[in-house]
Amino acid sequence: MRSILSCLALAAATLLGTSSALAQAFPSKPIRAVVPFAPGSATDQIGRAFAAEMAKALNQTIIVDNKPGVNGMLGAAEVARAAPDGYTILIGTNSTNAALKFLMKQLPYNQDTAFAPLGYLGSVPLIVAVNNDVPAKTLRELVDMAKARPTHVTFASASTSQLVSTEMLASMAGVQLTNVPYKSGPAAMTDLIGGQVNMFTADFAVMLPQVKAGKVRGLAVTSSKRSAAVPELPTVNEALGLKDYELIAYFAMFAPAGTPADVVAKLNAAINTAANTKELQDKFANIGFAVEPGTPQALAERSVKETAKWGKAIRDAKIEPQ
């Protein structure tokens, strides 16, 4: 009996040692970071910048893989189905991890339980802009134009932030706009510049360079305060005399549910190291991107609050699930 117990103890110790060695070895191969939006989008730009800095911290390659479609649902679903070993992670957003459950009648994953939070990346406001040939020079003039001709003003959307921000604005301003959906933000921007749509509300990464270049006309920002990156633009609240309008896009990383805690801790440490690098902060300072390092638990708590916030915004805007 003593011999059997000794063998069992030795086997247990061996298994624990193997498990510990595997954990210490992570990552021992390239990590795949799924961006659920198109190349050139804000999620893509920010995700790639973080991946590059995280790769240095982890001493391992991180391959960015764009899987756009259905407001980020396709890419998020792929990560939800992946092995929970830390080698497939999601560059998530307010779309994939807060709003989608209210925009879709059915998701191929449970948004609340399918992911293990890794770390918050940061947030960025949006800019409401119009094609240069639109006669409205201010947001108030655009609203008046929409009131005079209901459904005549068209707006582009390629993400949840873009759709909800505009529908929420229309609802609060008491106007009817016509949505023109796009597969990617850059494609929507091309059509805004070309005049195929009148209006587009998009994050600073996509919109600000075009506003600065004079290719489109910025009318307002969607944050509660003016942005230092474009201080001449009023907030939506200022422009329309509102007080409760605010909608910003945010970005965070997630792994499949069940990813080991020690692997989550290593990935979180790499995220925070990346967020604190001067190179990354300088890269996005001009688009109003605010990095916010934190713990996985802090992201979990934020996700609960953001899900409730986006659910209310979608209901208030009377957006029907598809």
Protein backbone atom coordinates (compact mmCIF):
# COMPACT_ATOMS: atom_id res chain seq x y z
CA MET A 1 0.00 0.00 0.00
CA ARG A 2 2.85 2.33 0.93
CA SER A 3 4.41 1.65 -2.45
CA ILE A 4 1.17 2.48 -4.28
CA LEU A 5 0.75 5.74 -2.35
CA SER A 6 4.33 6.69 -3.15
CA CYS A 7 3.73 6.08 -6.84
CA LEU A 8 0.53 8.15 -6.78
CA ALA A 9 2.31 10.99 -5.01
CA LEU A 10 5.13 10.88 -7.55
CA ALA A 11 2.62 10.90 -10.43
CA ALA A 12 0.77 13.86 -8.93
CA ALA A 13 3.99 15.77 -8.46
CA THR A 14 4.99 15.02 -12.04
CA LEU A 15 1.64 16.29 -13.34
CA LEU A 16 1.88 19.47 -11.28
CA GLY A 17 5.41 20.01 -12.48
CA THR A 18 4.36 19.51 -16.09
CA SER A 19 1.42 21.91 -15.67
CA SER A 20 3.70 24.50 -14.09
CA ALA A 21 6.26 24.10 -16.83
CA LEU A 22 3.59 24.54 -19.50
CA ALA A 23 2.30 27.68 -17.81
CA GLN A 24 5.82 29.10 -17.52
CA ALA A 25 6.47 28.30 -21.16
CA PHE A 26 3.49 30.34 -22.40
CA PRO A 27 3.64 31.56 -25.05
CA SER A 28 5.70 28.91 -26.80
CA LYS A 29 4.25 29.58 -30.26
CA PRO A 30 2.71 32.53 -32.17
CA ILE A 31 -0.52 34.03 -30.84
CA ARG A 32 -3.39 34.84 -33.18
CA ALA A 33 -5.20 38.11 -32.49
CA VAL A 34 -8.55 38.27 -34.29
CA VAL A 35 -9.70 41.73 -35.34
CA PRO A 36 -13.44 41.43 -36.12
CA PHE A 37 -13.39 44.45 -38.42
CA ALA A 38 -11.74 45.36 -41.72
CA PRO A 39 -8.13 46.47 -42.23
CA GLY A 40 -7.80 50.23 -41.74
CA SER A 41 -10.59 50.43 -39.18
CA ALA A 42 -9.91 51.92 -35.75
CA THR A 43 -10.08 48.44 -34.19
CA ASP A 44 -7.51 47.23 -36.71
CA GLN A 45 -5.13 50.17 -36.17
CA ILE A 46 -5.31 50.01 -32.38
CA GLY A 47 -5.22 46.21 -32.27
CA ARG A 48 -2.12 46.06 -34.46
CA ALA A 49 -0.32 48.68 -32.38
CA PHE A 50 -1.03 46.79 -29.16
CA ALA A 51 -0.10 43.46 -30.75
CA ALA A 52 3.27 44.81 -31.84
CA GLU A 53 4.14 46.05 -28.35
CA MET A 54 2.75 42.92 -26.65
CA ALA A 55 4.88 40.74 -28.91
CA LYS A 56 7.97 42.49 -27.54
CA ALA A 57 6.84 41.98 -23.95
CA LEU A 58 6.02 38.30 -24.50
CA ASN A 59 8.99 37.63 -26.77
CA GLN A 60 6.62 35.91 -29.17
CA THR A 61 5.01 36.72 -32.52
CA ILE A 62 1.39 37.93 -32.52
CA ILE A 63 -0.34 37.49 -35.87
CA VAL A 64 -3.25 39.88 -36.51
CA ASP A 65 -6.08 38.21 -38.42
CA ASN A 66 -8.93 40.36 -39.78
CA LYS A 67 -12.31 38.58 -39.74
CA PRO A 68 -14.89 41.29 -40.48
CA GLY A 69 -18.63 40.84 -40.79
CA VAL A 70 -21.97 41.46 -39.05
CA ASN A 71 -20.73 44.27 -36.78
CA GLY A 72 -17.89 42.10 -35.51
CA MET A 73 -20.00 39.03 -34.80
CA LEU A 74 -18.16 36.67 -37.19
CA GLY A 75 -14.74 37.31 -35.71
CA ALA A 76 -16.00 37.20 -32.14
CA ALA A 77 -17.77 33.90 -32.76
CA GLU A 78 -14.55 32.40 -34.12
CA VAL A 79 -12.68 33.31 -30.94
CA ALA A 80 -15.53 32.03 -28.76
CA ARG A 81 -15.14 28.61 -30.46
CA ALA A 82 -11.33 28.53 -30.16
CA ALA A 83 -9.36 26.43 -27.70
CA PRO A 84 -9.04 28.24 -24.35
CA ASP A 85 -5.25 28.14 -24.29
CA GLY A 86 -4.34 31.80 -24.83
CA TYR A 87 -3.21 31.33 -28.43
CA THR A 88 -6.36 32.87 -29.93
CA ILE A 89 -7.49 36.24 -28.59
CA LEU A 90 -10.06 38.83 -29.60
CA ILE A 91 -9.54 42.55 -30.14
CA GLY A 92 -13.01 43.29 -28.83
CA THR A 93 -15.10 46.44 -28.87
CA ASN A 94 -18.34 47.85 -27.55
CA SER A 95 -19.94 46.10 -30.53
CA THR A 96 -18.74 42.54 -29.92
CA ASN A 97 -18.81 42.63 -26.14
CA ALA A 98 -21.66 44.98 -25.20
CA ALA A 99 -24.12 45.93 -27.94
CA LEU A 100 -24.48 42.92 -30.24
CA LYS A 101 -26.81 40.99 -27.95
CA PHE A 102 -29.31 43.83 -28.36
CA LEU A 103 -28.80 44.24 -32.12
CA MET A 104 -29.15 40.59 -33.11
CA LYS A 105 -32.09 38.28 -32.47
CA GLN A 106 -29.65 35.43 -31.98
CA LEU A 107 -25.89 35.21 -31.52
CA PRO A 108 -23.79 32.08 -32.20
CA TYR A 109 -22.25 32.52 -28.73
CA ASN A 110 -23.34 33.76 -25.31
CA GLN A 111 -21.88 37.26 -25.18
CA ASP A 112 -21.90 37.33 -21.37
CA THR A 113 -20.15 34.01 -20.76
CA ALA A 114 -18.17 33.12 -23.92
CA PHE A 115 -15.09 35.22 -23.15
CA ALA A 116 -12.46 35.62 -20.46
CA PRO A 117 -11.56 39.33 -20.03
CA LEU A 118 -7.86 40.04 -20.58
CA GLY A 119 -7.54 43.81 -20.36
CA TYR A 120 -9.00 47.15 -21.38
CA LEU A 121 -7.15 49.04 -24.11
CA GLY A 122 -8.85 52.44 -24.21
CA SER A 123 -11.53 54.57 -25.81
CA VAL A 124 -11.99 57.16 -28.52
CA PRO A 125 -14.82 59.59 -29.36
CA LEU A 126 -16.57 59.79 -32.72
CA ILE A 127 -17.00 62.71 -35.10
CA VAL A 128 -20.28 63.57 -36.84
CA ALA A 129 -19.41 64.65 -40.37
CA VAL A 130 -21.08 65.38 -43.71
CA ASN A 131 -20.08 65.44 -47.34
CA ASN A 132 -18.71 68.84 -48.35
CA ASP A 133 -21.59 69.42 -50.77
CA VAL A 134 -24.22 69.09 -48.03
CA PRO A 135 -25.46 72.67 -47.44
CA ALA A 136 -25.57 72.32 -43.62
CA LYS A 137 -22.57 74.01 -42.00
CA THR A 138 -23.55 73.06 -38.44
CA LEU A 139 -25.22 70.11 -36.77
CA ARG A 140 -28.24 72.30 -36.00
CA GLU A 141 -28.59 73.13 -39.70
CA LEU A 142 -28.33 69.43 -40.58
CA VAL A 143 -31.09 68.59 -38.09
CA ASP A 144 -33.27 71.38 -39.51
CA MET A 145 -32.66 70.01 -42.99
CA ALA A 146 -33.68 66.52 -41.84
CA LYS A 147 -36.81 67.86 -40.19
CA ALA A 148 -37.82 69.61 -43.40
CA ARG A 149 -37.36 66.44 -45.45
CA PRO A 150 -37.84 63.30 -43.30
CA THR A 151 -35.76 60.24 -44.39
CA HIS A 152 -34.07 62.35 -47.10
CA VAL A 153 -30.74 62.63 -45.23
CA THR A 154 -28.72 59.42 -45.56
CA PHE A 155 -26.04 58.18 -43.19
CA ALA A 156 -23.44 55.45 -43.46
CA SER A 157 -22.70 52.82 -40.80
CA ALA A 158 -20.29 49.90 -40.69
CA SER A 159 -20.15 49.22 -36.96
CA THR A 160 -22.33 49.31 -33.89
CA SER A 161 -20.82 52.61 -32.70
CA GLN A 162 -21.51 54.25 -36.04
CA LEU A 163 -25.08 52.97 -36.22
CA VAL A 164 -26.13 53.55 -32.62
CA SER A 165 -24.49 56.98 -32.31
CA THR A 166 -26.41 58.29 -35.34
CA GLU A 167 -29.73 56.64 -34.50
CA MET A 168 -29.43 57.91 -30.94
CA LEU A 169 -28.74 61.43 -32.22
CA ALA A 170 -31.71 61.24 -34.60
CA SER A 171 -33.99 59.99 -31.83
CA MET A 172 -32.98 62.73 -29.39
CA ALA A 173 -33.20 65.42 -32.09
CA GLY A 174 -36.59 64.17 -33.31
CA VAL A 175 -35.62 63.49 -36.93
CA GLN A 176 -35.77 60.53 -39.32
CA LEU A 177 -32.61 59.56 -41.20
CA THR A 178 -32.01 56.73 -43.66
CA ASN A 179 -29.27 54.24 -42.84
CA VAL A 180 -26.99 52.90 -45.58
CA PRO A 181 -25.03 49.91 -44.16
CA TYR A 182 -21.43 49.19 -45.20
CA LYS A 183 -19.07 46.31 -44.61
CA SER A 184 -16.21 48.54 -43.45
CA GLY A 185 -15.55 52.01 -42.15
CA PRO A 186 -13.02 52.87 -44.89
CA ALA A 187 -15.58 51.92 -47.56
CA ALA A 188 -18.19 54.12 -45.89
CA MET A 189 -15.69 56.98 -45.73
CA THR A 190 -14.96 56.64 -49.44
CA ASP A 191 -18.66 57.04 -50.21
CA LEU A 192 -19.03 59.97 -47.81
CA ILE A 193 -16.21 61.78 -49.59
CA GLY A 194 -17.74 60.86 -52.96
CA GLY A 195 -21.20 62.06 -51.99
CA GLN A 196 -22.97 58.70 -52.15
CA VAL A 197 -24.13 59.33 -48.55
CA ASN A 198 -24.73 62.62 -46.76
CA MET A 199 -23.54 61.85 -43.25
CA PHE A 200 -21.21 59.54 -41.35
CA THR A 201 -20.40 59.33 -37.64
CA ALA A 202 -17.13 57.49 -37.08
CA ASP A 203 -14.23 57.26 -34.64
CA PHE A 204 -11.34 59.69 -34.81
CA ALA A 205 -8.98 57.14 -36.37
CA VAL A 206 -11.17 56.93 -39.47
CA MET A 207 -12.68 60.42 -39.52
CA LEU A 208 -10.19 62.96 -38.16
CA PRO A 209 -7.59 62.72 -40.98
CA GLN A 210 -10.35 63.38 -43.55
CA VAL A 211 -11.70 66.33 -41.56
CA LYS A 212 -8.22 67.81 -41.17
CA ALA A 213 -7.57 67.35 -44.90
CA GLY A 214 -10.83 69.14 -45.75
CA LYS A 215 -12.26 66.13 -47.57
CA VAL A 216 -15.36 66.10 -45.33
CA ARG A 217 -16.91 68.63 -42.94
CA GLY A 218 -16.85 67.83 -39.24
CA LEU A 219 -19.89 69.06 -37.31
CA ALA A 220 -19.56 67.73 -33.75
CA VAL A 221 -17.95 65.17 -31.44
CA THR A 222 -19.94 62.51 -29.58
CA SER A 223 -18.15 62.81 -26.23
CA SER A 224 -19.48 64.85 -23.31
CA LYS A 225 -16.50 67.24 -23.56
CA ARG A 226 -14.72 68.77 -26.54
CA SER A 227 -11.66 66.88 -27.73
CA ALA A 228 -8.18 68.39 -27.51
CA ALA A 229 -7.48 66.76 -30.88
CA VAL A 230 -10.12 68.90 -32.60
CA PRO A 231 -11.16 71.65 -30.11
CA GLU A 232 -13.00 73.70 -32.72
CA LEU A 233 -15.77 71.09 -32.98
CA PRO A 234 -18.59 71.37 -30.41
CA THR A 235 -20.08 68.38 -28.65
CA VAL A 236 -23.45 67.11 -29.85
CA ASN A 237 -24.90 68.43 -26.60
CA GLU A 238 -23.53 71.92 -27.29
CA ALA A 239 -24.59 71.94 -30.92
CA LEU A 240 -28.19 70.85 -30.28
CA GLY A 241 -28.81 72.13 -26.76
CA LEU A 242 -28.96 68.59 -25.32
CA LYS A 243 -27.48 67.38 -22.04
CA ASP A 244 -27.51 63.59 -22.06
CA TYR A 245 -25.94 62.65 -25.39
CA GLU A 246 -22.65 60.78 -25.11
CA LEU A 247 -21.36 57.79 -27.02
CA ILE A 248 -17.74 56.69 -27.40
CA ALA A 249 -16.10 53.63 -28.90
CA TYR A 250 -13.91 51.44 -26.71
CA PHE A 251 -11.51 48.57 -27.25
CA ALA A 252 -10.50 45.60 -25.08
CA MET A 253 -8.95 42.15 -25.38
CA PHE A 254 -10.65 38.87 -24.58
CA ALA A 255 -9.80 35.16 -24.72
CA PRO A 256 -12.16 32.18 -24.91
CA ALA A 257 -13.85 31.35 -21.62
CA GLY A 258 -11.90 28.77 -19.63
CA THR A 259 -8.46 30.18 -20.46
CA PRO A 260 -6.17 29.37 -17.48
CA ALA A 261 -5.77 32.17 -14.94
CA ASP A 262 -1.97 32.22 -15.23
CA VAL A 263 -2.19 32.64 -19.00
CA VAL A 264 -4.73 35.44 -18.57
CA ALA A 265 -2.34 37.11 -16.11
CA LYS A 266 0.55 36.95 -18.60
CA LEU A 267 -1.54 38.41 -21.40
CA ASN A 268 -2.89 41.13 -19.12
CA ALA A 269 0.64 42.09 -18.08
CA ALA A 270 1.65 42.35 -21.74
CA ILE A 271 -1.41 44.51 -22.53
CA ASN A 272 -0.59 46.91 -19.70
CA THR A 273 3.07 47.04 -20.71
CA ALA A 274 1.98 47.95 -24.23
CA ALA A 275 -0.46 50.59 -22.97
CA ASN A 276 2.29 52.28 -20.98
CA THR A 277 4.78 52.55 -23.85
CA LYS A 278 5.46 56.05 -25.13
CA GLU A 279 5.49 54.75 -28.71
CA LEU A 280 1.89 53.55 -28.52
CA GLN A 281 0.63 56.59 -26.63
CA ASP A 282 2.30 58.98 -29.09
CA LYS A 283 0.93 57.05 -32.06
CA PHE A 284 -2.69 57.67 -31.10
CA ALA A 285 -2.49 60.93 -29.16
CA ASN A 286 -3.68 62.91 -32.17
CA ILE A 287 -6.93 60.94 -32.45
CA GLY A 288 -8.01 61.38 -28.85
CA PHE A 289 -7.37 57.74 -27.91
CA ALA A 290 -7.16 57.43 -24.13
CA VAL A 291 -5.32 54.30 -22.92
CA GLU A 292 -6.52 52.84 -19.63
CA PRO A 293 -4.42 49.95 -18.26
CA GLY A 294 -6.18 47.73 -15.75
CA THR A 295 -6.90 44.24 -14.47
CA PRO A 296 -9.05 41.50 -16.04
CA GLN A 297 -11.50 41.97 -13.17
CA ALA A 298 -11.77 45.69 -13.93
CA LEU A 299 -12.61 44.83 -17.54
CA ALA A 300 -15.21 42.29 -16.41
CA GLU A 301 -16.92 44.93 -14.27
CA ARG A 302 -16.73 47.50 -17.07
CA SER A 303 -18.25 45.02 -19.53
CA VAL A 304 -21.31 44.58 -17.31
CA LYS A 305 -21.81 48.35 -17.08
CA GLU A 306 -21.18 48.95 -20.79
CA THR A 307 -23.59 46.19 -21.79
CA ALA A 308 -26.34 47.85 -19.75
CA LYS A 309 -25.44 51.28 -21.17
CA TRP A 310 -25.49 50.15 -24.80
CA GLY A 311 -28.68 48.19 -24.29
CA LYS A 312 -30.41 51.34 -23.06
CA ALA A 313 -29.00 53.42 -25.93
CA ILE A 314 -30.25 50.89 -28.50
CA ARG A 315 -33.70 50.71 -26.92
CA ASP A 316 -33.96 54.49 -26.65
CA ALA A 317 -33.00 54.82 -30.32
CA LYS A 318 -35.70 52.25 -31.18
CA ILE A 319 -33.28 50.05 -33.14
CA GLU A 320 -34.93 46.70 -33.87
CA PRO A 321 -32.79 43.54 -33.60
CA GLN A 322 -32.02 41.84 -36.90
